[in-house]
Amino acid sequence: MIYPSAMQAAERLSEPESFAALYLEESARILRELDPAQLDAMARALAAVRDRAGRLFLLGVGGSAANASHAVNDFRKIAGFEAYSPTDNVSELTARINDDGWDTAYANWLCGSRLGPLDAIFVLSVGGGDVKRNISINLVQAVRYTRTVGAAVFGIVGHSAGFTAQTADLCIVVPPVSPKRVTPHTEGMQAVLWHLLISHPLLQVEPTKWESAAVST
């Protein structure tokens, strides 16, 4: 069965490949507009956290939460960080949401993890939190708490006016090349950019499996 919305979308495309070509061109444009110097600076700052034995806490909501979980694996295994994400412990997270509320769940988790001045948080989010519109207040509260203990704040987000972009030490803002596709492009680019970071010579300390296997054969 073809739903009406799908039929309407098909009618708007002059040829089957047109949307795919558009999406890929938007992605290429985002990559062209990103500032390599800013990414190198973030790699240096993250390396400083690791070198002072600081921990890295990755925070995200929705699709960005899944990205945070994946990124924790890469920062730990490939870049040698002690890294964690609150969404990897469903029991604790849901207990905090149930008992304390969603808005403070991440901040309280950071408090329970004894976040300190040697540590850093890394926010992966489309909006980065918005106080006025009451969006992702859990991220806002987490960033605010991080500031009170003197830890660093990093981020990859899709809105320059969001709370994370406005308050982070370093934040990569995915260029808004398409207002209709901010979410998919931001969450997709989060994966591109954290993989860039863990592959950076300043951060990568362990080889990835398939590359090392190719060398040995």
Protein backbone atom coordinates (compact mmCIF):
# COMPACT_ATOMS: atom_id res chain seq x y z
CA MET A 1 0.00 0.00 0.00
CA ILE A 2 1.25 3.48 -0.89
CA TYR A 3 0.15 6.11 1.60
CA PRO A 4 -1.08 9.48 0.27
CA SER A 5 1.89 11.36 1.72
CA ALA A 6 4.31 9.04 -0.08
CA MET A 7 2.39 9.45 -3.34
CA GLN A 8 2.46 13.23 -2.98
CA ALA A 9 6.18 13.15 -2.29
CA ALA A 10 6.78 11.00 -5.36
CA GLU A 11 4.84 13.44 -7.50
CA ARG A 12 7.05 16.31 -6.33
CA LEU A 13 10.16 14.54 -7.56
CA SER A 14 10.93 14.93 -11.21
CA GLU A 15 12.94 11.70 -11.18
CA PRO A 16 13.54 8.94 -8.60
CA GLU A 17 17.11 10.05 -7.90
CA SER A 18 16.38 13.74 -7.36
CA PHE A 19 15.87 13.67 -3.59
CA ALA A 20 18.91 11.47 -3.02
CA ALA A 21 21.02 13.84 -5.12
CA LEU A 22 19.66 16.82 -3.17
CA TYR A 23 20.37 15.23 0.20
CA LEU A 24 23.89 14.24 -0.77
CA GLU A 25 24.60 17.72 -2.12
CA GLU A 26 23.37 19.24 1.14
CA SER A 27 25.66 16.90 3.06
CA ALA A 28 28.62 17.83 0.86
CA ARG A 29 27.86 21.51 1.36
CA ILE A 30 27.82 21.06 5.14
CA LEU A 31 31.24 19.40 5.02
CA ARG A 32 32.62 22.18 2.83
CA GLU A 33 31.35 24.85 5.25
CA LEU A 34 32.73 23.26 8.43
CA ASP A 35 35.88 24.89 9.83
CA PRO A 36 38.79 22.39 10.03
CA ALA A 37 40.65 24.69 12.44
CA GLN A 38 37.74 24.49 14.88
CA LEU A 39 37.81 20.69 14.74
CA ASP A 40 41.58 20.64 15.29
CA ALA A 41 41.07 22.94 18.29
CA MET A 42 38.46 20.57 19.72
CA ALA A 43 40.84 17.63 19.27
CA ARG A 44 43.53 19.53 21.19
CA ALA A 45 41.11 20.44 23.97
CA LEU A 46 39.85 16.87 24.27
CA ALA A 47 43.42 15.57 24.35
CA ALA A 48 44.10 17.95 27.23
CA VAL A 49 41.17 16.46 29.16
CA ARG A 50 42.47 12.94 28.64
CA ASP A 51 46.08 13.89 29.43
CA ARG A 52 45.10 15.35 32.80
CA ALA A 53 43.24 12.09 33.60
CA GLY A 54 39.86 13.75 33.16
CA ARG A 55 36.76 11.79 32.25
CA LEU A 56 34.43 12.47 29.32
CA PHE A 57 30.64 12.33 29.73
CA LEU A 58 28.61 12.26 26.52
CA LEU A 59 25.03 13.52 26.69
CA GLY A 60 22.29 13.23 24.10
CA VAL A 61 18.54 12.79 23.72
CA GLY A 62 16.66 10.69 21.16
CA GLY A 63 18.81 9.83 18.17
CA SER A 64 21.64 11.82 19.71
CA ALA A 65 21.48 9.54 22.77
CA ALA A 66 22.22 6.58 20.51
CA ASN A 67 25.07 8.57 18.98
CA ALA A 68 26.39 9.32 22.47
CA SER A 69 26.43 5.61 23.29
CA HIS A 70 28.32 4.78 20.09
CA ALA A 71 30.74 7.65 20.69
CA VAL A 72 31.46 6.44 24.24
CA ASN A 73 32.65 3.15 22.77
CA ASP A 74 34.94 4.91 20.30
CA PHE A 75 36.38 7.41 22.76
CA ARG A 76 37.12 4.60 25.22
CA LYS A 77 38.45 1.93 22.84
CA ILE A 78 40.19 4.00 20.17
CA ALA A 79 41.09 7.28 21.91
CA GLY A 80 41.87 5.99 25.40
CA PHE A 81 39.33 8.03 27.37
CA GLU A 82 37.45 7.08 30.48
CA ALA A 83 34.07 7.91 28.98
CA TYR A 84 30.42 7.38 29.95
CA SER A 85 26.87 8.25 28.93
CA PRO A 86 23.81 8.39 31.23
CA THR A 87 21.62 6.65 28.67
CA ASP A 88 23.75 3.50 28.84
CA ASN A 89 22.34 2.67 32.28
CA VAL A 90 18.59 2.52 31.71
CA SER A 91 17.79 1.47 35.28
CA GLU A 92 19.56 4.41 36.88
CA LEU A 93 18.34 6.92 34.30
CA THR A 94 14.69 5.90 34.57
CA ALA A 95 14.92 5.85 38.38
CA ARG A 96 16.22 9.42 38.34
CA ILE A 97 13.50 10.48 35.90
CA ASN A 98 10.83 8.81 38.02
CA ASP A 99 12.06 10.14 41.37
CA ASP A 100 13.60 13.51 40.49
CA GLY A 101 12.17 14.48 37.10
CA TRP A 102 13.41 14.51 33.53
CA ASP A 103 14.76 18.05 33.63
CA THR A 104 17.34 17.30 36.33
CA ALA A 105 18.08 13.65 35.46
CA TYR A 106 21.34 14.33 33.60
CA ALA A 107 22.58 16.96 36.04
CA ASN A 108 21.92 14.67 39.00
CA TRP A 109 23.65 11.81 37.19
CA LEU A 110 26.70 14.02 36.66
CA CYS A 111 26.62 14.96 40.33
CA GLY A 112 26.44 11.29 41.29
CA SER A 113 29.41 10.65 39.01
CA ARG A 114 31.36 13.29 40.97
CA LEU A 115 31.95 15.46 37.92
CA GLY A 116 34.92 17.71 38.65
CA PRO A 117 37.20 20.34 37.12
CA LEU A 118 39.41 17.76 35.40
CA ASP A 119 36.42 16.33 33.49
CA ALA A 120 34.36 17.39 30.49
CA ILE A 121 30.91 16.85 29.07
CA PHE A 122 30.23 16.49 25.36
CA VAL A 123 26.69 17.38 24.25
CA LEU A 124 25.33 15.80 21.08
CA SER A 125 22.06 17.49 20.22
CA VAL A 126 20.08 19.04 17.40
CA GLY A 127 19.02 22.14 19.34
CA GLY A 128 21.39 22.02 22.27
CA GLY A 129 18.65 23.00 24.71
CA ASP A 130 16.37 26.03 24.68
CA VAL A 131 15.17 27.65 27.89
CA LYS A 132 12.61 30.00 26.33
CA ARG A 133 10.92 27.23 24.35
CA ASN A 134 11.33 24.63 27.12
CA ILE A 135 13.17 22.17 24.88
CA SER A 136 15.78 19.69 26.18
CA ILE A 137 15.94 21.33 29.59
CA ASN A 138 17.80 18.27 30.86
CA LEU A 139 20.72 19.31 28.65
CA VAL A 140 20.46 22.91 29.83
CA GLN A 141 20.57 21.84 33.47
CA ALA A 142 23.48 19.50 32.79
CA VAL A 143 25.51 22.28 31.19
CA ARG A 144 24.66 24.64 34.04
CA TYR A 145 25.75 22.07 36.61
CA THR A 146 28.96 21.43 34.68
CA ARG A 147 29.78 25.11 34.89
CA THR A 148 29.36 25.12 38.67
CA VAL A 149 32.07 22.48 39.11
CA GLY A 150 34.48 23.96 36.56
CA ALA A 151 34.42 21.12 34.04
CA ALA A 152 34.73 21.77 30.31
CA VAL A 153 31.78 21.76 27.89
CA PHE A 154 31.99 20.57 24.29
CA GLY A 155 29.22 20.05 21.78
CA ILE A 156 28.09 19.18 18.28
CA VAL A 157 24.70 20.76 17.60
CA GLY A 158 22.49 22.08 14.82
CA HIS A 159 21.46 25.48 16.21
CA SER A 160 23.84 28.33 16.95
CA ALA A 161 21.26 30.02 19.20
CA GLY A 162 20.79 26.97 21.44
CA PHE A 163 22.03 26.86 25.03
CA THR A 164 24.95 24.55 24.34
CA ALA A 165 26.30 26.57 21.43
CA GLN A 166 26.00 29.77 23.44
CA THR A 167 27.74 28.48 26.58
CA ALA A 168 30.18 25.71 25.56
CA ASP A 169 33.93 26.08 25.59
CA LEU A 170 33.99 24.62 22.09
CA CYS A 171 30.94 23.73 20.02
CA ILE A 172 30.69 22.66 16.40
CA VAL A 173 27.48 23.98 14.82
CA VAL A 174 26.40 21.97 11.79
CA PRO A 175 25.69 24.57 9.07
CA PRO A 176 21.93 24.90 8.49
CA VAL A 177 21.97 24.31 4.75
CA SER A 178 18.36 23.08 4.73
CA PRO A 179 15.78 24.30 7.29
CA LYS A 180 13.65 21.25 6.40
CA ARG A 181 16.37 18.75 7.30
CA VAL A 182 18.21 20.17 10.32
CA THR A 183 17.61 17.05 12.44
CA PRO A 184 18.80 14.33 10.01
CA HIS A 185 21.81 16.37 8.91
CA THR A 186 22.82 17.25 12.46
CA GLU A 187 22.53 13.71 13.79
CA GLY A 188 24.26 12.33 10.72
CA MET A 189 27.10 14.83 10.99
CA GLN A 190 27.53 14.06 14.68
CA ALA A 191 28.70 10.60 13.62
CA VAL A 192 30.99 12.00 10.92
CA LEU A 193 32.58 14.48 13.31
CA TRP A 194 33.12 12.28 16.36
CA HIS A 195 34.69 9.70 14.04
CA LEU A 196 36.92 12.47 12.73
CA LEU A 197 37.90 13.33 16.30
CA ILE A 198 38.71 9.81 17.46
CA SER A 199 40.73 9.34 14.25
CA HIS A 200 42.66 12.57 14.84
CA PRO A 201 46.41 12.01 15.44
CA LEU A 202 46.12 13.91 18.71
CA LEU A 203 43.46 11.50 20.00
CA GLN A 204 43.74 8.08 18.39
CA VAL A 205 45.88 5.72 20.49
CA GLU A 206 44.63 2.33 19.24
CA PRO A 207 44.29 1.08 15.66
CA THR A 208 40.87 0.21 14.31
CA LYS A 209 40.33 -3.49 13.59
CA TRP A 210 40.01 -3.66 9.83
CA GLU A 211 42.84 -1.24 9.11
CA SER A 212 45.20 -3.16 11.39
CA ALA A 213 44.03 -6.47 9.87
CA ALA A 214 44.78 -5.17 6.37
CA VAL A 215 48.30 -4.19 7.38
CA SER A 216 49.01 -7.62 8.84
CA THR A 217 47.90 -9.61 5.78
